């Protein structure tokens, strides 16, 4: 019997990561609306070996045995391609997305203070001039594209962080 026949997708959460790239591009566009001539720095929130972070139930570890050079080993972390792996990783990913706006709205000074250490070590290209950017059309506010500020001038959490 194939290992994936032992699991059932019917109780897994909906997978939402395919929409992440579109949300990122939308957020960059909103940043450009609000900060027309400012440098925009993007952060990366990739998790190396994401599936390996979620551990299998001990009863399932025996289903993930393998032999290499005569040694028996067991994968205790999820393996890419298992029926339940992508859906089960969505739960911590969604939790991280929901925690990000909380940090931005309630602990902004602490987050910025911790980030300054890393930003100080970065090297940046020279600022682009208007002539360099002149071939691009400007981003404008409309009913669907509103920028990154609330009407009171405070900053919105990112669309990616909101899971939209």
N, C-alpha and C. Protein backbone atom coordinates (compact mmCIF):
# COMPACT_ATOMS: atom_id res chain seq x y z
N UNK A 1 0.85 -1.18 0.00
CA UNK A 1 0.00 0.00 0.00
C UNK A 1 0.89 1.24 0.00
N UNK A 2 0.53 2.24 -0.75
CA UNK A 2 1.27 3.49 -0.83
C UNK A 2 1.04 4.29 0.44
N UNK A 3 2.07 4.97 0.95
CA UNK A 3 1.97 5.74 2.18
C UNK A 3 0.85 6.78 2.11
N UNK A 4 0.70 7.45 0.96
CA UNK A 4 -0.33 8.48 0.84
C UNK A 4 -1.75 7.91 0.95
N UNK A 5 -1.90 6.58 0.78
CA UNK A 5 -3.22 5.97 0.96
C UNK A 5 -3.60 5.87 2.44
N UNK A 6 -2.65 6.10 3.33
CA UNK A 6 -2.93 6.03 4.76
C UNK A 6 -3.46 7.35 5.30
N UNK A 7 -3.36 8.40 4.51
CA UNK A 7 -3.83 9.72 4.97
C UNK A 7 -5.01 10.17 4.13
N UNK A 8 -5.72 11.15 4.64
CA UNK A 8 -6.92 11.62 3.98
C UNK A 8 -6.91 13.15 3.97
N UNK A 9 -7.06 13.75 2.81
CA UNK A 9 -7.03 15.21 2.69
C UNK A 9 -8.30 15.88 3.20
N UNK A 10 -9.36 15.13 3.43
CA UNK A 10 -10.64 15.75 3.77
C UNK A 10 -10.60 16.56 5.07
N UNK A 11 -9.70 16.25 5.98
CA UNK A 11 -9.65 17.00 7.24
C UNK A 11 -8.48 17.99 7.27
N UNK A 12 -7.76 18.16 6.16
CA UNK A 12 -6.67 19.12 6.12
C UNK A 12 -7.22 20.52 5.85
N UNK A 13 -6.50 21.55 6.33
CA UNK A 13 -6.95 22.93 6.06
C UNK A 13 -6.74 23.27 4.59
N UNK A 14 -7.45 24.30 4.14
CA UNK A 14 -7.32 24.77 2.77
C UNK A 14 -5.91 25.32 2.58
N UNK A 15 -5.28 25.03 1.46
CA UNK A 15 -3.94 25.52 1.16
C UNK A 15 -4.08 26.92 0.54
N UNK A 16 -3.44 27.92 1.19
CA UNK A 16 -3.58 29.30 0.72
C UNK A 16 -2.29 29.89 0.15
N UNK A 17 -1.17 29.16 0.26
CA UNK A 17 0.09 29.77 -0.19
C UNK A 17 0.16 30.07 -1.68
N UNK A 18 -0.63 29.42 -2.56
CA UNK A 18 -0.52 29.80 -3.97
C UNK A 18 -0.85 31.27 -4.24
N UNK A 19 -1.65 31.92 -3.40
CA UNK A 19 -1.99 33.33 -3.59
C UNK A 19 -0.97 34.29 -3.00
N UNK A 20 0.06 33.77 -2.35
CA UNK A 20 1.04 34.63 -1.67
C UNK A 20 1.79 35.54 -2.63
N UNK A 21 2.15 35.04 -3.79
CA UNK A 21 2.92 35.86 -4.74
C UNK A 21 2.10 37.05 -5.21
N UNK A 22 0.83 36.85 -5.51
CA UNK A 22 -0.03 37.96 -5.94
C UNK A 22 -0.18 38.99 -4.81
N UNK A 23 -0.33 38.51 -3.56
CA UNK A 23 -0.43 39.44 -2.43
C UNK A 23 0.85 40.26 -2.28
N UNK A 24 2.00 39.63 -2.49
CA UNK A 24 3.27 40.35 -2.41
C UNK A 24 3.34 41.43 -3.48
N UNK A 25 3.00 41.08 -4.71
CA UNK A 25 3.05 42.07 -5.80
C UNK A 25 2.07 43.22 -5.54
N UNK A 26 0.89 42.91 -5.01
CA UNK A 26 -0.08 43.96 -4.68
C UNK A 26 0.48 44.88 -3.62
N UNK A 27 1.12 44.31 -2.60
CA UNK A 27 1.67 45.13 -1.52
C UNK A 27 2.79 46.03 -2.04
N UNK A 28 3.63 45.53 -2.94
CA UNK A 28 4.69 46.36 -3.53
C UNK A 28 4.05 47.53 -4.30
N UNK A 29 2.96 47.25 -5.01
CA UNK A 29 2.27 48.31 -5.75
C UNK A 29 1.72 49.35 -4.77
N UNK A 30 1.14 48.90 -3.67
CA UNK A 30 0.61 49.83 -2.66
C UNK A 30 1.74 50.65 -2.04
N UNK A 31 2.88 50.04 -1.81
CA UNK A 31 4.04 50.79 -1.30
C UNK A 31 4.44 51.88 -2.29
N UNK A 32 4.43 51.54 -3.58
CA UNK A 32 4.82 52.52 -4.60
C UNK A 32 3.81 53.65 -4.68
N UNK A 33 2.53 53.38 -4.45
CA UNK A 33 1.52 54.44 -4.42
C UNK A 33 1.84 55.43 -3.31
N UNK A 34 2.14 54.91 -2.14
CA UNK A 34 2.37 55.78 -0.98
C UNK A 34 3.75 56.42 -1.02
N UNK A 35 4.75 55.67 -1.42
CA UNK A 35 6.13 56.16 -1.41
C UNK A 35 6.65 56.23 -2.84
N UNK A 36 6.15 57.21 -3.59
CA UNK A 36 6.40 57.30 -5.03
C UNK A 36 7.89 57.34 -5.38
N UNK A 37 8.67 58.12 -4.65
CA UNK A 37 10.08 58.29 -5.01
C UNK A 37 11.03 57.78 -3.94
N UNK A 38 10.58 56.89 -3.08
CA UNK A 38 11.42 56.37 -2.00
C UNK A 38 11.91 54.97 -2.33
N UNK A 39 13.05 54.63 -1.77
CA UNK A 39 13.60 53.28 -1.94
C UNK A 39 12.73 52.31 -1.13
N UNK A 40 12.35 51.20 -1.73
CA UNK A 40 11.53 50.20 -1.06
C UNK A 40 12.40 48.97 -0.82
N UNK A 41 12.54 48.59 0.44
CA UNK A 41 13.32 47.41 0.81
C UNK A 41 12.37 46.27 1.13
N UNK A 42 12.57 45.14 0.50
CA UNK A 42 11.70 43.99 0.73
C UNK A 42 12.41 42.97 1.60
N UNK A 43 11.70 42.41 2.55
CA UNK A 43 12.25 41.37 3.40
C UNK A 43 11.84 40.00 2.90
N UNK A 44 12.63 39.01 3.21
CA UNK A 44 12.35 37.65 2.81
C UNK A 44 12.01 36.84 4.05
N UNK A 45 10.95 36.08 3.97
CA UNK A 45 10.49 35.32 5.12
C UNK A 45 10.40 33.84 4.77
N UNK A 46 11.40 33.35 4.07
CA UNK A 46 11.40 31.96 3.66
C UNK A 46 11.86 31.08 4.83
N UNK A 47 11.31 29.91 4.92
CA UNK A 47 11.70 28.97 5.97
C UNK A 47 12.38 27.79 5.29
N UNK A 48 13.67 27.69 5.47
CA UNK A 48 14.42 26.60 4.87
C UNK A 48 13.99 25.27 5.48
N UNK A 49 13.69 24.32 4.64
CA UNK A 49 13.29 23.00 5.13
C UNK A 49 11.96 23.04 5.88
N UNK A 50 11.02 23.84 5.38
CA UNK A 50 9.76 24.05 6.10
C UNK A 50 9.06 22.76 6.50
N UNK A 51 9.00 21.79 5.61
CA UNK A 51 8.28 20.56 5.91
C UNK A 51 8.95 19.76 7.02
N UNK A 52 10.25 19.94 7.18
CA UNK A 52 10.98 19.19 8.20
C UNK A 52 10.70 19.73 9.61
N UNK A 53 10.18 20.95 9.70
CA UNK A 53 9.90 21.54 11.02
C UNK A 53 8.69 20.90 11.69
N UNK A 54 7.73 20.45 10.90
CA UNK A 54 6.53 19.82 11.44
C UNK A 54 6.84 18.34 11.65
N UNK A 55 6.71 17.87 12.86
CA UNK A 55 7.07 16.49 13.17
C UNK A 55 5.87 15.56 13.03
N UNK A 56 6.14 14.37 12.53
CA UNK A 56 5.09 13.37 12.42
C UNK A 56 4.68 12.87 13.80
N UNK A 57 3.45 12.44 13.88
CA UNK A 57 2.99 11.75 15.07
C UNK A 57 3.87 10.50 15.22
N UNK A 58 4.31 10.17 16.45
CA UNK A 58 5.19 9.01 16.62
C UNK A 58 4.63 7.71 16.02
N UNK A 59 3.32 7.58 15.96
CA UNK A 59 2.72 6.37 15.38
C UNK A 59 2.96 6.31 13.87
N UNK A 60 3.20 7.48 13.23
CA UNK A 60 3.41 7.50 11.78
C UNK A 60 4.87 7.43 11.38
N UNK A 61 5.78 7.64 12.32
CA UNK A 61 7.21 7.64 11.98
C UNK A 61 7.63 6.31 11.37
N UNK A 62 7.07 5.21 11.85
CA UNK A 62 7.46 3.90 11.31
C UNK A 62 7.09 3.76 9.83
N UNK A 63 6.16 4.55 9.34
CA UNK A 63 5.79 4.52 7.92
C UNK A 63 6.84 5.22 7.05
N UNK A 64 7.77 5.92 7.69
CA UNK A 64 8.77 6.70 6.95
C UNK A 64 10.17 6.16 7.18
N UNK A 65 10.29 4.85 7.21
CA UNK A 65 11.59 4.21 7.39
C UNK A 65 12.33 4.09 6.07
N UNK A 66 13.64 4.07 6.15
CA UNK A 66 14.47 3.90 4.96
C UNK A 66 15.78 3.24 5.36
N UNK A 67 16.45 2.64 4.39
CA UNK A 67 17.73 1.98 4.63
C UNK A 67 18.77 2.63 3.72
N UNK A 68 19.90 3.04 4.32
CA UNK A 68 21.02 3.61 3.58
C UNK A 68 22.29 2.92 4.05
N UNK A 69 23.00 2.30 3.13
CA UNK A 69 24.25 1.58 3.47
C UNK A 69 24.08 0.62 4.62
N UNK A 70 22.95 -0.04 4.67
CA UNK A 70 22.71 -1.03 5.71
C UNK A 70 22.21 -0.46 7.03
N UNK A 71 22.05 0.85 7.12
CA UNK A 71 21.55 1.47 8.35
C UNK A 71 20.08 1.83 8.17
N UNK A 72 19.29 1.52 9.20
CA UNK A 72 17.87 1.84 9.18
C UNK A 72 17.67 3.23 9.76
N UNK A 73 16.96 4.08 9.03
CA UNK A 73 16.67 5.43 9.50
C UNK A 73 15.19 5.72 9.39
N UNK A 74 14.75 6.75 10.09
CA UNK A 74 13.35 7.16 10.06
C UNK A 74 13.26 8.67 9.92
N UNK A 75 12.37 9.12 9.04
CA UNK A 75 12.11 10.55 8.89
C UNK A 75 11.08 10.95 9.94
N UNK A 76 11.49 11.79 10.86
CA UNK A 76 10.55 12.24 11.90
C UNK A 76 9.81 13.49 11.48
N UNK A 77 10.37 14.23 10.51
CA UNK A 77 9.71 15.42 9.98
C UNK A 77 8.97 15.09 8.71
N UNK A 78 8.01 15.93 8.35
CA UNK A 78 7.22 15.67 7.15
C UNK A 78 8.10 15.62 5.91
N UNK A 79 7.68 14.83 4.97
CA UNK A 79 8.41 14.70 3.72
C UNK A 79 7.60 15.36 2.61
N UNK A 80 8.30 16.04 1.71
CA UNK A 80 7.62 16.70 0.60
C UNK A 80 6.97 15.65 -0.28
N UNK A 81 5.71 15.86 -0.60
CA UNK A 81 4.99 14.92 -1.45
C UNK A 81 3.99 14.07 -0.71
N UNK A 82 4.08 14.01 0.62
CA UNK A 82 3.06 13.29 1.38
C UNK A 82 1.73 14.04 1.26
N UNK A 83 0.65 13.31 1.24
CA UNK A 83 -0.67 13.91 1.06
C UNK A 83 -0.92 15.04 2.05
N UNK A 84 -0.56 14.85 3.31
CA UNK A 84 -0.90 15.83 4.33
C UNK A 84 0.17 16.89 4.55
N UNK A 85 1.34 16.78 3.96
CA UNK A 85 2.42 17.72 4.27
C UNK A 85 2.10 19.18 3.96
N UNK A 86 1.72 19.55 2.73
CA UNK A 86 1.48 20.98 2.47
C UNK A 86 0.36 21.55 3.33
N UNK A 87 -0.73 20.83 3.47
CA UNK A 87 -1.84 21.33 4.27
C UNK A 87 -1.48 21.52 5.72
N UNK A 88 -0.69 20.63 6.27
CA UNK A 88 -0.31 20.75 7.67
C UNK A 88 0.67 21.89 7.90
N UNK A 89 1.46 22.26 6.89
CA UNK A 89 2.36 23.39 7.08
C UNK A 89 1.62 24.71 7.00
N UNK A 90 0.44 24.73 6.42
CA UNK A 90 -0.32 25.98 6.34
C UNK A 90 -0.64 26.53 7.73
N UNK A 91 -0.83 25.67 8.71
CA UNK A 91 -1.23 26.14 10.04
C UNK A 91 -0.16 27.04 10.65
N UNK A 92 1.12 26.63 10.75
CA UNK A 92 2.11 27.57 11.28
C UNK A 92 2.35 28.77 10.36
N UNK A 93 2.21 28.57 9.05
CA UNK A 93 2.39 29.70 8.12
C UNK A 93 1.32 30.75 8.36
N UNK A 94 0.08 30.34 8.52
CA UNK A 94 -1.01 31.28 8.79
C UNK A 94 -0.80 31.95 10.14
N UNK A 95 -0.33 31.20 11.13
CA UNK A 95 -0.06 31.79 12.45
C UNK A 95 1.00 32.89 12.34
N UNK A 96 2.04 32.65 11.54
CA UNK A 96 3.08 33.68 11.34
C UNK A 96 2.49 34.90 10.64
N UNK A 97 1.62 34.67 9.64
CA UNK A 97 1.00 35.80 8.93
C UNK A 97 0.12 36.62 9.86
N UNK A 98 -0.56 35.97 10.79
CA UNK A 98 -1.43 36.69 11.71
C UNK A 98 -0.63 37.39 12.80
N UNK A 99 0.53 36.86 13.16
CA UNK A 99 1.37 37.46 14.19
C UNK A 99 2.06 38.72 13.67
N UNK A 100 2.38 38.75 12.37
CA UNK A 100 3.08 39.90 11.79
C UNK A 100 2.31 41.21 11.95
N UNK A 101 1.00 41.28 11.63
CA UNK A 101 0.31 42.57 11.83
C UNK A 101 0.19 42.94 13.30
N UNK A 102 0.10 41.95 14.18
CA UNK A 102 0.07 42.24 15.61
C UNK A 102 1.36 42.94 16.03
N UNK A 103 2.50 42.39 15.58
CA UNK A 103 3.78 43.00 15.92
C UNK A 103 3.87 44.42 15.35
N UNK A 104 3.40 44.60 14.10
CA UNK A 104 3.49 45.92 13.47
C UNK A 104 2.59 46.93 14.19
N UNK A 105 1.40 46.52 14.56
CA UNK A 105 0.45 47.45 15.18
C UNK A 105 0.70 47.68 16.66
N UNK A 106 1.28 46.70 17.38
CA UNK A 106 1.38 46.82 18.83
C UNK A 106 2.82 46.87 19.36
N UNK A 107 3.79 46.44 18.58
CA UNK A 107 5.18 46.41 19.05
C UNK A 107 6.12 46.95 17.98
N UNK A 108 5.67 47.99 17.29
CA UNK A 108 6.40 48.51 16.15
C UNK A 108 7.80 48.99 16.53
N UNK A 109 7.94 49.72 17.62
CA UNK A 109 9.26 50.23 18.02
C UNK A 109 10.23 49.09 18.32
N UNK A 110 9.74 48.06 19.01
CA UNK A 110 10.59 46.91 19.34
C UNK A 110 11.05 46.20 18.06
N UNK A 111 10.12 46.00 17.12
CA UNK A 111 10.46 45.32 15.86
C UNK A 111 11.48 46.14 15.07
N UNK A 112 11.26 47.44 14.96
CA UNK A 112 12.19 48.29 14.22
C UNK A 112 13.56 48.34 14.91
N UNK A 113 13.56 48.36 16.22
CA UNK A 113 14.83 48.37 16.96
C UNK A 113 15.61 47.08 16.68
N UNK A 114 14.94 45.94 16.67
CA UNK A 114 15.61 44.67 16.41
C UNK A 114 16.09 44.59 14.95
N UNK A 115 15.35 45.20 14.02
CA UNK A 115 15.72 45.14 12.60
C UNK A 115 16.91 46.04 12.29
N UNK A 116 17.11 47.12 13.04
CA UNK A 116 18.21 48.06 12.75
C UNK A 116 19.56 47.35 12.75
N UNK A 117 19.74 46.38 13.59
CA UNK A 117 21.00 45.63 13.66
C UNK A 117 21.31 44.98 12.30
N UNK A 118 20.30 44.41 11.67
CA UNK A 118 20.50 43.73 10.39
C UNK A 118 20.62 44.73 9.24
N UNK A 119 19.83 45.79 9.29
CA UNK A 119 19.86 46.80 8.21
C UNK A 119 21.21 47.49 8.17
N UNK A 120 21.83 47.69 9.34
CA UNK A 120 23.13 48.37 9.38
C UNK A 120 24.19 47.59 8.61
N UNK A 121 24.04 46.29 8.48
CA UNK A 121 25.03 45.46 7.78
C UNK A 121 24.76 45.34 6.29
N UNK A 122 23.65 45.88 5.81
CA UNK A 122 23.30 45.76 4.40
C UNK A 122 24.03 46.80 3.56
N UNK A 123 24.28 46.47 2.31
CA UNK A 123 24.81 47.45 1.37
C UNK A 123 23.73 47.70 0.32
N UNK A 124 23.57 48.95 -0.05
CA UNK A 124 22.50 49.35 -0.96
C UNK A 124 23.07 49.99 -2.21
N UNK A 125 22.40 49.81 -3.34
CA UNK A 125 22.84 50.51 -4.55
C UNK A 125 22.53 52.00 -4.42
N UNK A 126 23.14 52.80 -5.27
CA UNK A 126 22.85 54.23 -5.26
C UNK A 126 21.38 54.47 -5.53
N UNK A 127 20.88 55.60 -5.00
CA UNK A 127 19.48 55.97 -5.24
C UNK A 127 19.24 56.16 -6.73
N UNK A 128 18.12 55.68 -7.19
CA UNK A 128 17.74 55.90 -8.58
C UNK A 128 17.29 57.36 -8.74
N UNK A 129 17.60 57.95 -9.85
CA UNK A 129 17.18 59.33 -10.11
C UNK A 129 15.84 59.32 -10.84
N UNK A 130 15.23 60.49 -10.94
CA UNK A 130 13.96 60.59 -11.66
C UNK A 130 14.16 60.15 -13.11
N UNK A 131 15.31 60.49 -13.69
CA UNK A 131 15.58 60.10 -15.07
C UNK A 131 15.59 58.57 -15.20
N UNK A 132 16.15 57.86 -14.17
CA UNK A 132 16.17 56.39 -14.19
C UNK A 132 14.76 55.83 -14.11
N UNK A 133 13.91 56.49 -13.33
CA UNK A 133 12.55 55.99 -13.11
C UNK A 133 11.55 56.56 -14.09
N UNK A 134 11.96 57.50 -14.91
CA UNK A 134 11.04 58.23 -15.77
C UNK A 134 10.27 57.36 -16.75
N UNK A 135 10.77 56.20 -17.09
CA UNK A 135 10.09 55.37 -18.07
C UNK A 135 8.94 54.56 -17.45
N UNK A 136 8.82 54.58 -16.12
CA UNK A 136 7.76 53.84 -15.46
C UNK A 136 6.56 54.74 -15.24
N UNK A 137 5.36 54.20 -15.39
CA UNK A 137 4.17 54.99 -15.07
C UNK A 137 4.02 55.01 -13.55
N UNK A 138 3.48 56.10 -13.05
CA UNK A 138 3.35 56.23 -11.60
C UNK A 138 2.16 55.41 -11.10
N UNK A 139 2.23 55.02 -9.85
CA UNK A 139 1.13 54.29 -9.22
C UNK A 139 0.20 55.32 -8.58
N UNK A 140 -1.08 55.21 -8.83
CA UNK A 140 -2.05 56.19 -8.33
C UNK A 140 -3.10 55.53 -7.45
N UNK A 141 -3.59 56.29 -6.50
CA UNK A 141 -4.65 55.81 -5.61
C UNK A 141 -5.96 55.74 -6.40
N UNK A 142 -6.71 54.67 -6.20
CA UNK A 142 -8.07 54.58 -6.72
C UNK A 142 -8.89 53.74 -5.74
N UNK A 143 -10.09 53.36 -6.10
CA UNK A 143 -10.97 52.65 -5.16
C UNK A 143 -10.44 51.27 -4.76
N UNK A 144 -9.61 50.65 -5.60
CA UNK A 144 -9.08 49.33 -5.29
C UNK A 144 -7.63 49.37 -4.82
N UNK A 145 -6.90 50.40 -5.18
CA UNK A 145 -5.48 50.53 -4.85
C UNK A 145 -5.30 51.77 -3.98
N UNK A 146 -5.16 51.57 -2.69
CA UNK A 146 -5.25 52.66 -1.74
C UNK A 146 -3.94 53.01 -1.05
N UNK A 147 -2.86 52.34 -1.37
CA UNK A 147 -1.60 52.62 -0.70
C UNK A 147 -1.51 51.89 0.63
N UNK A 148 -0.52 52.26 1.43
CA UNK A 148 -0.26 51.52 2.66
C UNK A 148 -0.61 52.29 3.92
N UNK A 149 -1.26 53.44 3.78
CA UNK A 149 -1.62 54.24 4.95
C UNK A 149 -3.13 54.26 5.15
N UNK A 150 -3.54 54.22 6.41
CA UNK A 150 -4.94 54.43 6.75
C UNK A 150 -5.26 55.91 6.56
N UNK A 151 -6.55 56.29 6.50
CA UNK A 151 -6.89 57.71 6.34
C UNK A 151 -6.29 58.61 7.44
N UNK A 152 -6.06 58.07 8.64
CA UNK A 152 -5.48 58.89 9.72
C UNK A 152 -3.96 59.01 9.60
N UNK A 153 -3.35 58.40 8.56
CA UNK A 153 -1.91 58.50 8.35
C UNK A 153 -1.10 57.37 8.96
N UNK A 154 -1.73 56.48 9.74
CA UNK A 154 -1.00 55.35 10.31
C UNK A 154 -0.81 54.27 9.25
N UNK A 155 0.17 53.42 9.45
CA UNK A 155 0.54 52.41 8.45
C UNK A 155 -0.29 51.15 8.57
N UNK A 156 -0.75 50.64 7.46
CA UNK A 156 -1.48 49.37 7.42
C UNK A 156 -0.51 48.21 7.55
N UNK A 157 -0.93 47.07 8.15
CA UNK A 157 -0.10 45.86 8.06
C UNK A 157 -0.15 45.36 6.62
N UNK A 158 0.83 44.59 6.22
CA UNK A 158 0.90 44.15 4.82
C UNK A 158 -0.22 43.20 4.48
N UNK A 159 -0.55 43.11 3.19
CA UNK A 159 -1.58 42.18 2.72
C UNK A 159 -1.14 40.75 2.98
N UNK A 160 0.14 40.48 2.83
CA UNK A 160 0.65 39.14 3.09
C UNK A 160 0.44 38.77 4.54
N UNK A 161 0.68 39.73 5.43
CA UNK A 161 0.51 39.47 6.86
C UNK A 161 -0.96 39.25 7.20
N UNK A 162 -1.85 39.90 6.45
CA UNK A 162 -3.28 39.74 6.71
C UNK A 162 -3.84 38.50 6.05
N UNK A 163 -3.06 37.85 5.19
CA UNK A 163 -3.50 36.62 4.54
C UNK A 163 -4.54 36.88 3.46
N UNK A 164 -4.57 38.09 2.90
CA UNK A 164 -5.56 38.41 1.86
C UNK A 164 -5.03 38.12 0.50
